[in-house]
PDB file of all heavy atoms in Angstrom:
ATOM      1  N   GLY A   1     114.536 110.334 108.709  1.00  0.00           N
ATOM      2  CA  GLY A   1     113.151 110.230 109.136  1.00  0.00           C
ATOM      3  C   GLY A   1     112.164 110.779 108.131  1.00  0.00           C
ATOM      4  O   GLY A   1     111.062 110.255 107.987  1.00  0.00           O
ATOM      5  N   GLU A   2     112.532 111.839 107.422  1.00  0.00           N
ATOM      6  CA  GLU A   2     111.616 112.419 106.445  1.00  0.00           C
ATOM      7  C   GLU A   2     111.300 111.429 105.335  1.00  0.00           C
ATOM      8  O   GLU A   2     110.149 111.322 104.892  1.00  0.00           O
ATOM      9  CB  GLU A   2     112.210 113.706 105.876  1.00  0.00           C
ATOM     10  CG  GLU A   2     112.265 114.846 106.882  1.00  0.00           C
ATOM     11  CD  GLU A   2     112.711 116.145 106.243  1.00  0.00           C
ATOM     12  OE1 GLU A   2     112.847 116.179 104.996  1.00  0.00           O
ATOM     13  OE2 GLU A   2     112.942 117.115 106.974  1.00  0.00           O
ATOM     14  N   GLN A   3     112.307 110.705 104.873  1.00  0.00           N
ATOM     15  CA  GLN A   3     112.071 109.701 103.848  1.00  0.00           C
ATOM     16  C   GLN A   3     111.203 108.567 104.389  1.00  0.00           C
ATOM     17  O   GLN A   3     110.303 108.066 103.708  1.00  0.00           O
ATOM     18  CB  GLN A   3     113.411 109.148 103.329  1.00  0.00           C
ATOM     19  CG  GLN A   3     113.283 108.106 102.233  1.00  0.00           C
ATOM     20  CD  GLN A   3     112.582 108.640 100.989  1.00  0.00           C
ATOM     21  OE1 GLN A   3     112.632 109.844 100.699  1.00  0.00           O
ATOM     22  NE2 GLN A   3     111.905 107.753 100.265  1.00  0.00           N
ATOM     23  N   LEU A   4     111.463 108.150 105.623  1.00  0.00           N
ATOM     24  CA  LEU A   4     110.654 107.108 106.251  1.00  0.00           C
ATOM     25  C   LEU A   4     109.200 107.556 106.361  1.00  0.00           C
ATOM     26  O   LEU A   4     108.270 106.772 106.101  1.00  0.00           O
ATOM     27  CB  LEU A   4     111.219 106.798 107.639  1.00  0.00           C
ATOM     28  CG  LEU A   4     110.542 105.680 108.439  1.00  0.00           C
ATOM     29  CD1 LEU A   4     110.715 104.343 107.733  1.00  0.00           C
ATOM     30  CD2 LEU A   4     111.121 105.619 109.853  1.00  0.00           C
ATOM     31  N   GLU A   5     108.999 108.808 106.739  1.00  0.00           N
ATOM     32  CA  GLU A   5     107.654 109.358 106.836  1.00  0.00           C
ATOM     33  C   GLU A   5     106.971 109.372 105.483  1.00  0.00           C
ATOM     34  O   GLU A   5     105.801 108.994 105.345  1.00  0.00           O
ATOM     35  CB  GLU A   5     107.737 110.767 107.419  1.00  0.00           C
ATOM     36  CG  GLU A   5     106.407 111.446 107.646  1.00  0.00           C
ATOM     37  CD  GLU A   5     106.598 112.807 108.283  1.00  0.00           C
ATOM     38  OE1 GLU A   5     106.804 113.792 107.548  1.00  0.00           O
ATOM     39  OE2 GLU A   5     106.553 112.882 109.526  1.00  0.00           O
ATOM     40  N   ARG A   6     107.710 109.773 104.451  1.00  0.00           N
ATOM     41  CA  ARG A   6     107.142 109.825 103.109  1.00  0.00           C
ATOM     42  C   ARG A   6     106.766 108.424 102.618  1.00  0.00           C
ATOM     43  O   ARG A   6     105.714 108.230 102.005  1.00  0.00           O
ATOM     44  CB  ARG A   6     108.153 110.475 102.158  1.00  0.00           C
ATOM     45  CG  ARG A   6     107.607 110.724 100.763  1.00  0.00           C
ATOM     46  CD  ARG A   6     108.661 111.356  99.869  1.00  0.00           C
ATOM     47  NE  ARG A   6     108.087 111.688  98.582  1.00  0.00           N
ATOM     48  CZ  ARG A   6     107.463 112.822  98.299  1.00  0.00           C
ATOM     49  NH1 ARG A   6     107.338 113.739  99.244  1.00  0.00           N
ATOM     50  NH2 ARG A   6     106.957 113.048  97.109  1.00  0.00           N
ATOM     51  N   GLU A   7     107.619 107.457 102.889  1.00  0.00           N
ATOM     52  CA  GLU A   7     107.328 106.090 102.471  1.00  0.00           C
ATOM     53  C   GLU A   7     106.091 105.552 103.186  1.00  0.00           C
ATOM     54  O   GLU A   7     105.288 104.818 102.595  1.00  0.00           O
ATOM     55  CB  GLU A   7     108.539 105.198 102.755  1.00  0.00           C
ATOM     56  CG  GLU A   7     109.732 105.496 101.849  1.00  0.00           C
ATOM     57  CD  GLU A   7     110.993 104.762 102.281  1.00  0.00           C
ATOM     58  OE1 GLU A   7     110.945 104.075 103.337  1.00  0.00           O
ATOM     59  OE2 GLU A   7     112.020 104.885 101.583  1.00  0.00           O
ATOM     60  N   LEU A   8     105.943 105.912 104.464  1.00  0.00           N
ATOM     61  CA  LEU A   8     104.749 105.504 105.202  1.00  0.00           C
ATOM     62  C   LEU A   8     103.488 106.056 104.552  1.00  0.00           C
ATOM     63  O   LEU A   8     102.513 105.323 104.317  1.00  0.00           O
ATOM     64  CB  LEU A   8     104.848 105.983 106.651  1.00  0.00           C
ATOM     65  CG  LEU A   8     103.550 105.944 107.471  1.00  0.00           C
ATOM     66  CD1 LEU A   8     103.059 104.516 107.623  1.00  0.00           C
ATOM     67  CD2 LEU A   8     103.749 106.602 108.841  1.00  0.00           C
ATOM     68  N   VAL A   9     103.487 107.343 104.263  1.00  0.00           N
ATOM     69  CA  VAL A   9     102.306 107.968 103.673  1.00  0.00           C
ATOM     70  C   VAL A   9     102.024 107.388 102.297  1.00  0.00           C
ATOM     71  O   VAL A   9     100.865 107.085 101.948  1.00  0.00           O
ATOM     72  CB  VAL A   9     102.485 109.495 103.604  1.00  0.00           C
ATOM     73  CG1 VAL A   9     101.325 110.140 102.857  1.00  0.00           C
ATOM     74  CG2 VAL A   9     102.602 110.087 105.005  1.00  0.00           C
ATOM     75  N   GLU A  10     103.060 107.197 101.494  1.00  0.00           N
ATOM     76  CA  GLU A  10     102.877 106.650 100.151  1.00  0.00           C
ATOM     77  C   GLU A  10     102.276 105.249 100.215  1.00  0.00           C
ATOM     78  O   GLU A  10     101.336 104.919  99.487  1.00  0.00           O
ATOM     79  CB  GLU A  10     104.223 106.619  99.422  1.00  0.00           C
ATOM     80  CG  GLU A  10     104.151 106.123  97.992  1.00  0.00           C
ATOM     81  CD  GLU A  10     103.312 107.010  97.107  1.00  0.00           C
ATOM     82  OE1 GLU A  10     103.497 108.240  97.145  1.00  0.00           O
ATOM     83  OE2 GLU A  10     102.458 106.460  96.377  1.00  0.00           O
ATOM     84  N   SER A  11     102.820 104.423 101.098  1.00  0.00           N
ATOM     85  CA  SER A  11     102.304 103.066 101.248  1.00  0.00           C
ATOM     86  C   SER A  11     100.854 103.073 101.718  1.00  0.00           C
ATOM     87  O   SER A  11     100.008 102.331 101.196  1.00  0.00           O
ATOM     88  CB  SER A  11     103.179 102.293 102.243  1.00  0.00           C
ATOM     89  OG  SER A  11     102.628 101.041 102.553  1.00  0.00           O
ATOM     90  N   ALA A  12     100.552 103.923 102.698  1.00  0.00           N
ATOM     91  CA  ALA A  12      99.191 103.979 103.232  1.00  0.00           C
ATOM     92  C   ALA A  12      98.199 104.468 102.185  1.00  0.00           C
ATOM     93  O   ALA A  12      97.090 103.932 102.065  1.00  0.00           O
ATOM     94  CB  ALA A  12      99.164 104.884 104.463  1.00  0.00           C
ATOM     95  N   ARG A  13      98.582 105.454 101.418  1.00  0.00           N
ATOM     96  CA  ARG A  13      97.662 105.987 100.405  1.00  0.00           C
ATOM     97  C   ARG A  13      97.348 104.947  99.339  1.00  0.00           C
ATOM     98  O   ARG A  13      96.222 104.871  98.850  1.00  0.00           O
ATOM     99  CB  ARG A  13      98.257 107.243  99.766  1.00  0.00           C
ATOM    100  CG  ARG A  13      98.183 108.464 100.657  1.00  0.00           C
ATOM    101  CD  ARG A  13      98.557 109.729  99.908  1.00  0.00           C
ATOM    102  NE  ARG A  13      98.406 110.920 100.736  1.00  0.00           N
ATOM    103  CZ  ARG A  13      98.555 112.157 100.300  1.00  0.00           C
ATOM    104  NH1 ARG A  13      98.898 112.370  99.022  1.00  0.00           N
ATOM    105  NH2 ARG A  13      98.399 113.171 101.104  1.00  0.00           N
ATOM    106  N   ARG A  14      98.342 104.154  98.975  1.00  0.00           N
ATOM    107  CA  ARG A  14      98.093 103.130  97.951  1.00  0.00           C
ATOM    108  C   ARG A  14      97.042 102.132  98.396  1.00  0.00           C
ATOM    109  O   ARG A  14      96.314 101.584  97.573  1.00  0.00           O
ATOM    110  CB  ARG A  14      99.397 102.412  97.601  1.00  0.00           C
ATOM    111  CG  ARG A  14     100.350 103.226  96.733  1.00  0.00           C
ATOM    112  CD  ARG A  14     101.404 102.339  96.092  1.00  0.00           C
ATOM    113  NE  ARG A  14     102.223 101.650  97.080  1.00  0.00           N
ATOM    114  CZ  ARG A  14     103.382 102.108  97.541  1.00  0.00           C
ATOM    115  NH1 ARG A  14     103.855 103.267  97.093  1.00  0.00           N
ATOM    116  NH2 ARG A  14     104.077 101.419  98.434  1.00  0.00           N
ATOM    117  N   GLN A  15      96.957 101.892  99.691  1.00  0.00           N
ATOM    118  CA  GLN A  15      95.969 100.931 100.169  1.00  0.00           C
ATOM    119  C   GLN A  15      94.717 101.608 100.729  1.00  0.00           C
ATOM    120  O   GLN A  15      93.867 100.948 101.326  1.00  0.00           O
ATOM    121  CB  GLN A  15      96.586 100.021 101.231  1.00  0.00           C
ATOM    122  CG  GLN A  15      97.013 100.729 102.503  1.00  0.00           C
ATOM    123  CD  GLN A  15      97.823  99.814 103.410  1.00  0.00           C
ATOM    124  OE1 GLN A  15      98.800  99.198 102.969  1.00  0.00           O
ATOM    125  NE2 GLN A  15      97.404  99.701 104.661  1.00  0.00           N
ATOM    126  N   GLY A  16      94.612 102.927 100.548  1.00  0.00           N
ATOM    127  CA  GLY A  16      93.396 103.636 100.938  1.00  0.00           C
ATOM    128  C   GLY A  16      93.324 104.032 102.392  1.00  0.00           C
ATOM    129  O   GLY A  16      92.241 104.337 102.903  1.00  0.00           O
ATOM    130  N   THR A  17      94.467 104.051 103.097  1.00  0.00           N
ATOM    131  CA  THR A  17      94.505 104.452 104.500  1.00  0.00           C
ATOM    132  C   THR A  17      95.013 105.879 104.619  1.00  0.00           C
ATOM    133  O   THR A  17      96.006 106.241 103.996  1.00  0.00           O
ATOM    134  CB  THR A  17      95.434 103.523 105.305  1.00  0.00           C
ATOM    135  OG1 THR A  17      94.935 102.183 105.239  1.00  0.00           O
ATOM    136  CG2 THR A  17      95.527 103.960 106.763  1.00  0.00           C
ATOM    137  N   ARG A  18      94.341 106.691 105.415  1.00  0.00           N
ATOM    138  CA  ARG A  18      94.805 108.045 105.686  1.00  0.00           C
ATOM    139  C   ARG A  18      95.524 108.060 107.027  1.00  0.00           C
ATOM    140  O   ARG A  18      95.062 107.491 108.012  1.00  0.00           O
ATOM    141  CB  ARG A  18      93.644 109.048 105.715  1.00  0.00           C
ATOM    142  CG  ARG A  18      92.833 109.139 104.433  1.00  0.00           C
ATOM    143  CD  ARG A  18      93.685 109.490 103.203  1.00  0.00           C
ATOM    144  NE  ARG A  18      94.506 110.660 103.384  1.00  0.00           N
ATOM    145  CZ  ARG A  18      94.085 111.920 103.223  1.00  0.00           C
ATOM    146  NH1 ARG A  18      92.824 112.147 102.898  1.00  0.00           N
ATOM    147  NH2 ARG A  18      94.914 112.925 103.382  1.00  0.00           N
ATOM    148  N   ILE A  19      96.666 108.744 107.051  1.00  0.00           N
ATOM    149  CA  ILE A  19      97.511 108.810 108.243  1.00  0.00           C
ATOM    150  C   ILE A  19      97.226 110.090 109.018  1.00  0.00           C
ATOM    151  O   ILE A  19      97.253 111.196 108.452  1.00  0.00           O
ATOM    152  CB  ILE A  19      99.006 108.757 107.864  1.00  0.00           C
ATOM    153  CG1 ILE A  19      99.337 107.447 107.143  1.00  0.00           C
ATOM    154  CG2 ILE A  19      99.885 108.936 109.099  1.00  0.00           C
ATOM    155  CD1 ILE A  19      99.184 106.217 108.002  1.00  0.00           C
ATOM    156  N   ILE A  20      96.951 109.949 110.328  1.00  0.00           N
ATOM    157  CA  ILE A  20      96.874 111.088 111.239  1.00  0.00           C
ATOM    158  C   ILE A  20      98.191 111.094 112.017  1.00  0.00           C
ATOM    159  O   ILE A  20      98.481 110.174 112.771  1.00  0.00           O
ATOM    160  CB  ILE A  20      95.701 110.975 112.221  1.00  0.00           C
ATOM    161  CG1 ILE A  20      94.403 110.628 111.503  1.00  0.00           C
ATOM    162  CG2 ILE A  20      95.566 112.264 113.030  1.00  0.00           C
ATOM    163  CD1 ILE A  20      93.883 111.694 110.592  1.00  0.00           C
ATOM    164  N   GLY A  21      98.996 112.119 111.853  1.00  0.00           N
ATOM    165  CA  GLY A  21     100.311 112.161 112.493  1.00  0.00           C
ATOM    166  C   GLY A  21     101.394 112.108 111.432  1.00  0.00           C
ATOM    167  O   GLY A  21     101.201 112.658 110.346  1.00  0.00           O
ATOM    168  N   PRO A  22     102.530 111.444 111.704  1.00  0.00           N
ATOM    169  CA  PRO A  22     102.899 110.791 112.970  1.00  0.00           C
ATOM    170  C   PRO A  22     103.279 111.816 114.043  1.00  0.00           C
ATOM    171  O   PRO A  22     103.110 113.004 113.845  1.00  0.00           O
ATOM    172  CB  PRO A  22     104.093 109.928 112.564  1.00  0.00           C
ATOM    173  CG  PRO A  22     104.697 110.637 111.399  1.00  0.00           C
ATOM    174  CD  PRO A  22     103.554 111.287 110.668  1.00  0.00           C
ATOM    175  N   ASN A  23     103.829 111.286 115.143  1.00  0.00           N
ATOM    176  CA  ASN A  23     104.214 112.116 116.280  1.00  0.00           C
ATOM    177  C   ASN A  23     102.999 112.841 116.840  1.00  0.00           C
ATOM    178  O   ASN A  23     102.988 114.055 117.008  1.00  0.00           O
ATOM    179  CB  ASN A  23     105.306 113.113 115.875  1.00  0.00           C
ATOM    180  CG  ASN A  23     105.928 113.792 117.085  1.00  0.00           C
ATOM    181  OD1 ASN A  23     105.894 113.259 118.182  1.00  0.00           O
ATOM    182  ND2 ASN A  23     106.473 114.970 116.886  1.00  0.00           N
ATOM    183  N   SER A  24     101.967 112.077 117.123  1.00  0.00           N
ATOM    184  CA  SER A  24     100.728 112.630 117.651  1.00  0.00           C
ATOM    185  C   SER A  24     100.319 111.826 118.876  1.00  0.00           C
ATOM    186  O   SER A  24     100.948 110.824 119.209  1.00  0.00           O
ATOM    187  CB  SER A  24      99.632 112.587 116.581  1.00  0.00           C
ATOM    188  OG  SER A  24      99.385 111.234 116.204  1.00  0.00           O
TER     189      SER A  24
END
């Protein structure tokens, strides 16, 4: 899960999206 979380954040940052969470 930690790697999945990191990949999510990396992907979102590249497209200019900020992530609130996950697990919120």
